[in-house]
Amino acid sequence: MKSIPTDAPTLDTGAATAEYVVATMAAVGFATLLLVILKSEEVRQLLLNLVHQALAVTP
């Protein structure tokens, strides 16, 4: 029986790198979408009101 050297390239060589690229691109896309949503005036006002309510002191 012939053994395969451990340093020999296999069919899935580079698969991990490709998976990292896909995950990174998905994260960049999600971050871009989040940035666009958070920069809208409606969302900004909603978040500002939420912070004001959270910090408001009521007797």
PDB file of N, CA and C in Angstrom:
ATOM      1  N   MET A   1       0.846  -1.177   0.000  1.00  0.00           N
ATOM      2  CA  MET A   1       0.000   0.000   0.000  1.00  0.00           C
ATOM      3  C   MET A   1       0.889   1.237   0.000  1.00  0.00           C
ATOM      4  N   LYS A   2       0.599   2.141  -0.891  1.00  0.00           N
ATOM      5  CA  LYS A   2       1.371   3.366  -1.029  1.00  0.00           C
ATOM      6  C   LYS A   2       0.761   4.457  -0.157  1.00  0.00           C
ATOM      7  N   SER A   3       1.582   5.147   0.592  1.00  0.00           N
ATOM      8  CA  SER A   3       1.054   6.238   1.420  1.00  0.00           C
ATOM      9  C   SER A   3       1.188   7.568   0.685  1.00  0.00           C
ATOM     10  N   ILE A   4       0.227   8.433   0.929  1.00  0.00           N
ATOM     11  CA  ILE A   4       0.220   9.758   0.294  1.00  0.00           C
ATOM     12  C   ILE A   4       1.014  10.700   1.183  1.00  0.00           C
ATOM     13  N   PRO A   5       1.973  11.419   0.609  1.00  0.00           N
ATOM     14  CA  PRO A   5       2.731  12.382   1.417  1.00  0.00           C
ATOM     15  C   PRO A   5       1.794  13.442   2.001  1.00  0.00           C
ATOM     16  N   THR A   6       2.073  13.867   3.211  1.00  0.00           N
ATOM     17  CA  THR A   6       1.197  14.820   3.881  1.00  0.00           C
ATOM     18  C   THR A   6       1.283  16.210   3.271  1.00  0.00           C
ATOM     19  N   ASP A   7       2.353  16.524   2.584  1.00  0.00           N
ATOM     20  CA  ASP A   7       2.480  17.862   1.998  1.00  0.00           C
ATOM     21  C   ASP A   7       2.018  17.913   0.540  1.00  0.00           C
ATOM     22  N   ALA A   8       1.443  16.815   0.051  1.00  0.00           N
ATOM     23  CA  ALA A   8       0.967  16.786  -1.332  1.00  0.00           C
ATOM     24  C   ALA A   8      -0.324  17.588  -1.455  1.00  0.00           C
ATOM     25  N   PRO A   9      -0.461  18.372  -2.527  1.00  0.00           N
ATOM     26  CA  PRO A   9      -1.697  19.136  -2.718  1.00  0.00           C
ATOM     27  C   PRO A   9      -2.876  18.191  -2.941  1.00  0.00           C
ATOM     28  N   THR A  10      -4.017  18.563  -2.423  1.00  0.00           N
ATOM     29  CA  THR A  10      -5.222  17.761  -2.598  1.00  0.00           C
ATOM     30  C   THR A  10      -6.252  18.573  -3.365  1.00  0.00           C
ATOM     31  N   LEU A  11      -7.403  17.970  -3.610  1.00  0.00           N
ATOM     32  CA  LEU A  11      -8.452  18.662  -4.368  1.00  0.00           C
ATOM     33  C   LEU A  11      -9.017  19.855  -3.630  1.00  0.00           C
ATOM     34  N   ASP A  12      -8.941  19.850  -2.293  1.00  0.00           N
ATOM     35  CA  ASP A  12      -9.510  20.960  -1.529  1.00  0.00           C
ATOM     36  C   ASP A  12      -8.454  21.983  -1.100  1.00  0.00           C
ATOM     37  N   THR A  13      -7.304  21.950  -1.734  1.00  0.00           N
ATOM     38  CA  THR A  13      -6.272  22.940  -1.437  1.00  0.00           C
ATOM     39  C   THR A  13      -6.798  24.328  -1.795  1.00  0.00           C
ATOM     40  N   GLY A  14      -6.748  25.239  -0.846  1.00  0.00           N
ATOM     41  CA  GLY A  14      -7.229  26.593  -1.069  1.00  0.00           C
ATOM     42  C   GLY A  14      -8.695  26.775  -0.717  1.00  0.00           C
ATOM     43  N   ALA A  15      -9.366  25.704  -0.303  1.00  0.00           N
ATOM     44  CA  ALA A  15     -10.794  25.803   0.022  1.00  0.00           C
ATOM     45  C   ALA A  15     -10.999  26.706   1.234  1.00  0.00           C
ATOM     46  N   ALA A  16     -10.138  26.594   2.226  1.00  0.00           N
ATOM     47  CA  ALA A  16     -10.281  27.431   3.427  1.00  0.00           C
ATOM     48  C   ALA A  16     -10.127  28.900   3.062  1.00  0.00           C
ATOM     49  N   THR A  17      -9.192  29.205   2.199  1.00  0.00           N
ATOM     50  CA  THR A  17      -8.990  30.588   1.780  1.00  0.00           C
ATOM     51  C   THR A  17     -10.221  31.114   1.054  1.00  0.00           C
ATOM     52  N   ALA A  18     -10.797  30.308   0.203  1.00  0.00           N
ATOM     53  CA  ALA A  18     -12.002  30.716  -0.517  1.00  0.00           C
ATOM     54  C   ALA A  18     -13.159  30.938   0.457  1.00  0.00           C
ATOM     55  N   GLU A  19     -13.260  30.090   1.478  1.00  0.00           N
ATOM     56  CA  GLU A  19     -14.319  30.266   2.476  1.00  0.00           C
ATOM     57  C   GLU A  19     -14.116  31.569   3.247  1.00  0.00           C
ATOM     58  N   TYR A  20     -12.882  31.896   3.570  1.00  0.00           N
ATOM     59  CA  TYR A  20     -12.595  33.156   4.256  1.00  0.00           C
ATOM     60  C   TYR A  20     -12.977  34.343   3.376  1.00  0.00           C
ATOM     61  N   VAL A  21     -12.714  34.256   2.093  1.00  0.00           N
ATOM     62  CA  VAL A  21     -13.060  35.341   1.171  1.00  0.00           C
ATOM     63  C   VAL A  21     -14.580  35.525   1.122  1.00  0.00           C
ATOM     64  N   VAL A  22     -15.314  34.435   1.039  1.00  0.00           N
ATOM     65  CA  VAL A  22     -16.776  34.514   0.983  1.00  0.00           C
ATOM     66  C   VAL A  22     -17.312  35.116   2.279  1.00  0.00           C
ATOM     67  N   ALA A  23     -16.803  34.659   3.420  1.00  0.00           N
ATOM     68  CA  ALA A  23     -17.260  35.186   4.708  1.00  0.00           C
ATOM     69  C   ALA A  23     -16.913  36.667   4.860  1.00  0.00           C
ATOM     70  N   THR A  24     -15.732  37.058   4.416  1.00  0.00           N
ATOM     71  CA  THR A  24     -15.317  38.458   4.496  1.00  0.00           C
ATOM     72  C   THR A  24     -16.190  39.335   3.607  1.00  0.00           C
ATOM     73  N   MET A  25     -16.478  38.878   2.409  1.00  0.00           N
ATOM     74  CA  MET A  25     -17.317  39.657   1.498  1.00  0.00           C
ATOM     75  C   MET A  25     -18.743  39.786   2.044  1.00  0.00           C
ATOM     76  N   ALA A  26     -19.241  38.730   2.670  1.00  0.00           N
ATOM     77  CA  ALA A  26     -20.573  38.801   3.280  1.00  0.00           C
ATOM     78  C   ALA A  26     -20.577  39.812   4.417  1.00  0.00           C
ATOM     79  N   ALA A  27     -19.511  39.824   5.221  1.00  0.00           N
ATOM     80  CA  ALA A  27     -19.419  40.777   6.326  1.00  0.00           C
ATOM     81  C   ALA A  27     -19.335  42.210   5.807  1.00  0.00           C
ATOM     82  N   VAL A  28     -18.600  42.427   4.747  1.00  0.00           N
ATOM     83  CA  VAL A  28     -18.485  43.766   4.161  1.00  0.00           C
ATOM     84  C   VAL A  28     -19.836  44.218   3.616  1.00  0.00           C
ATOM     85  N   GLY A  29     -20.542  43.331   2.954  1.00  0.00           N
ATOM     86  CA  GLY A  29     -21.865  43.663   2.440  1.00  0.00           C
ATOM     87  C   GLY A  29     -22.835  44.009   3.556  1.00  0.00           C
ATOM     88  N   PHE A  30     -22.806  43.229   4.636  1.00  0.00           N
ATOM     89  CA  PHE A  30     -23.686  43.482   5.771  1.00  0.00           C
ATOM     90  C   PHE A  30     -23.326  44.809   6.436  1.00  0.00           C
ATOM     91  N   ALA A  31     -22.046  45.088   6.593  1.00  0.00           N
ATOM     92  CA  ALA A  31     -21.612  46.347   7.204  1.00  0.00           C
ATOM     93  C   ALA A  31     -22.030  47.543   6.345  1.00  0.00           C
ATOM     94  N   THR A  32     -21.932  47.410   5.039  1.00  0.00           N
ATOM     95  CA  THR A  32     -22.350  48.487   4.145  1.00  0.00           C
ATOM     96  C   THR A  32     -23.849  48.742   4.260  1.00  0.00           C
ATOM     97  N   LEU A  33     -24.626  47.676   4.287  1.00  0.00           N
ATOM     98  CA  LEU A  33     -26.074  47.811   4.438  1.00  0.00           C
ATOM     99  C   LEU A  33     -26.418  48.478   5.773  1.00  0.00           C
ATOM    100  N   LEU A  34     -25.753  48.062   6.829  1.00  0.00           N
ATOM    101  CA  LEU A  34     -25.985  48.651   8.148  1.00  0.00           C
ATOM    102  C   LEU A  34     -25.631  50.132   8.150  1.00  0.00           C
ATOM    103  N   LEU A  35     -24.541  50.486   7.507  1.00  0.00           N
ATOM    104  CA  LEU A  35     -24.118  51.883   7.433  1.00  0.00           C
ATOM    105  C   LEU A  35     -25.147  52.734   6.702  1.00  0.00           C
ATOM    106  N   VAL A  36     -25.660  52.225   5.600  1.00  0.00           N
ATOM    107  CA  VAL A  36     -26.673  52.960   4.838  1.00  0.00           C
ATOM    108  C   VAL A  36     -27.933  53.149   5.680  1.00  0.00           C
ATOM    109  N   ILE A  37     -28.349  52.102   6.380  1.00  0.00           N
ATOM    110  CA  ILE A  37     -29.555  52.195   7.214  1.00  0.00           C
ATOM    111  C   ILE A  37     -29.342  53.177   8.358  1.00  0.00           C
ATOM    112  N   LEU A  38     -28.210  53.088   9.025  1.00  0.00           N
ATOM    113  CA  LEU A  38     -27.973  53.938  10.192  1.00  0.00           C
ATOM    114  C   LEU A  38     -27.739  55.403   9.837  1.00  0.00           C
ATOM    115  N   LYS A  39     -27.368  55.683   8.605  1.00  0.00           N
ATOM    116  CA  LYS A  39     -27.150  57.070   8.206  1.00  0.00           C
ATOM    117  C   LYS A  39     -28.447  57.766   7.814  1.00  0.00           C
ATOM    118  N   SER A  40     -29.539  57.023   7.701  1.00  0.00           N
ATOM    119  CA  SER A  40     -30.808  57.650   7.338  1.00  0.00           C
ATOM    120  C   SER A  40     -31.300  58.497   8.506  1.00  0.00           C
ATOM    121  N   GLU A  41     -31.959  59.582   8.186  1.00  0.00           N
ATOM    122  CA  GLU A  41     -32.408  60.540   9.200  1.00  0.00           C
ATOM    123  C   GLU A  41     -33.454  59.932  10.131  1.00  0.00           C
ATOM    124  N   GLU A  42     -34.327  59.098   9.586  1.00  0.00           N
ATOM    125  CA  GLU A  42     -35.368  58.484  10.412  1.00  0.00           C
ATOM    126  C   GLU A  42     -34.761  57.594  11.498  1.00  0.00           C
ATOM    127  N   VAL A  43     -33.819  56.771  11.108  1.00  0.00           N
ATOM    128  CA  VAL A  43     -33.187  55.860  12.066  1.00  0.00           C
ATOM    129  C   VAL A  43     -32.353  56.654  13.067  1.00  0.00           C
ATOM    130  N   ARG A  44     -31.661  57.669  12.591  1.00  0.00           N
ATOM    131  CA  ARG A  44     -30.862  58.501  13.492  1.00  0.00           C
ATOM    132  C   ARG A  44     -31.754  59.148  14.555  1.00  0.00           C
ATOM    133  N   GLN A  45     -32.903  59.671  14.147  1.00  0.00           N
ATOM    134  CA  GLN A  45     -33.821  60.302  15.095  1.00  0.00           C
ATOM    135  C   GLN A  45     -34.390  59.274  16.072  1.00  0.00           C
ATOM    136  N   LEU A  46     -34.721  58.109  15.568  1.00  0.00           N
ATOM    137  CA  LEU A  46     -35.244  57.042  16.418  1.00  0.00           C
ATOM    138  C   LEU A  46     -34.227  56.644  17.485  1.00  0.00           C
ATOM    139  N   LEU A  47     -32.976  56.466  17.083  1.00  0.00           N
ATOM    140  CA  LEU A  47     -31.930  56.104  18.045  1.00  0.00           C
ATOM    141  C   LEU A  47     -31.661  57.227  19.037  1.00  0.00           C
ATOM    142  N   LEU A  48     -31.691  58.453  18.568  1.00  0.00           N
ATOM    143  CA  LEU A  48     -31.478  59.600  19.450  1.00  0.00           C
ATOM    144  C   LEU A  48     -32.580  59.693  20.499  1.00  0.00           C
ATOM    145  N   ASN A  49     -33.828  59.512  20.072  1.00  0.00           N
ATOM    146  CA  ASN A  49     -34.938  59.512  21.023  1.00  0.00           C
ATOM    147  C   ASN A  49     -34.818  58.373  22.030  1.00  0.00           C
ATOM    148  N   LEU A  50     -34.376  57.229  21.568  1.00  0.00           N
ATOM    149  CA  LEU A  50     -34.197  56.086  22.453  1.00  0.00           C
ATOM    150  C   LEU A  50     -33.146  56.368  23.522  1.00  0.00           C
ATOM    151  N   VAL A  51     -32.044  56.988  23.128  1.00  0.00           N
ATOM    152  CA  VAL A  51     -30.988  57.340  24.075  1.00  0.00           C
ATOM    153  C   VAL A  51     -31.490  58.396  25.055  1.00  0.00           C
ATOM    154  N   HIS A  52     -32.202  59.392  24.563  1.00  0.00           N
ATOM    155  CA  HIS A  52     -32.743  60.438  25.439  1.00  0.00           C
ATOM    156  C   HIS A  52     -33.700  59.843  26.479  1.00  0.00           C
ATOM    157  N   GLN A  53     -34.552  58.924  26.057  1.00  0.00           N
ATOM    158  CA  GLN A  53     -35.470  58.274  26.981  1.00  0.00           C
ATOM    159  C   GLN A  53     -34.722  57.431  28.011  1.00  0.00           C
ATOM    160  N   ALA A  54     -33.681  56.762  27.563  1.00  0.00           N
ATOM    161  CA  ALA A  54     -32.917  55.920  28.483  1.00  0.00           C
ATOM    162  C   ALA A  54     -32.173  56.748  29.519  1.00  0.00           C
ATOM    163  N   LEU A  55     -31.737  57.956  29.140  1.00  0.00           N
ATOM    164  CA  LEU A  55     -30.967  58.797  30.051  1.00  0.00           C
ATOM    165  C   LEU A  55     -31.844  59.770  30.839  1.00  0.00           C
ATOM    166  N   ALA A  56     -33.113  59.832  30.515  1.00  0.00           N
ATOM    167  CA  ALA A  56     -34.003  60.763  31.211  1.00  0.00           C
ATOM    168  C   ALA A  56     -34.193  60.319  32.658  1.00  0.00           C
ATOM    169  N   VAL A  57     -34.113  61.301  33.553  1.00  0.00           N
ATOM    170  CA  VAL A  57     -34.301  61.016  34.966  1.00  0.00           C
ATOM    171  C   VAL A  57     -35.728  61.389  35.331  1.00  0.00           C
ATOM    172  N   THR A  58     -36.464  60.419  35.847  1.00  0.00           N
ATOM    173  CA  THR A  58     -37.840  60.694  36.272  1.00  0.00           C
ATOM    174  C   THR A  58     -37.927  60.546  37.791  1.00  0.00           C
ATOM    175  N   PRO A  59     -38.604  61.502  38.435  1.00  0.00           N
ATOM    176  CA  PRO A  59     -38.690  61.429  39.900  1.00  0.00           C
ATOM    177  C   PRO A  59     -39.601  60.334  40.383  1.00  0.00           C
TER     178      PRO A  59
END
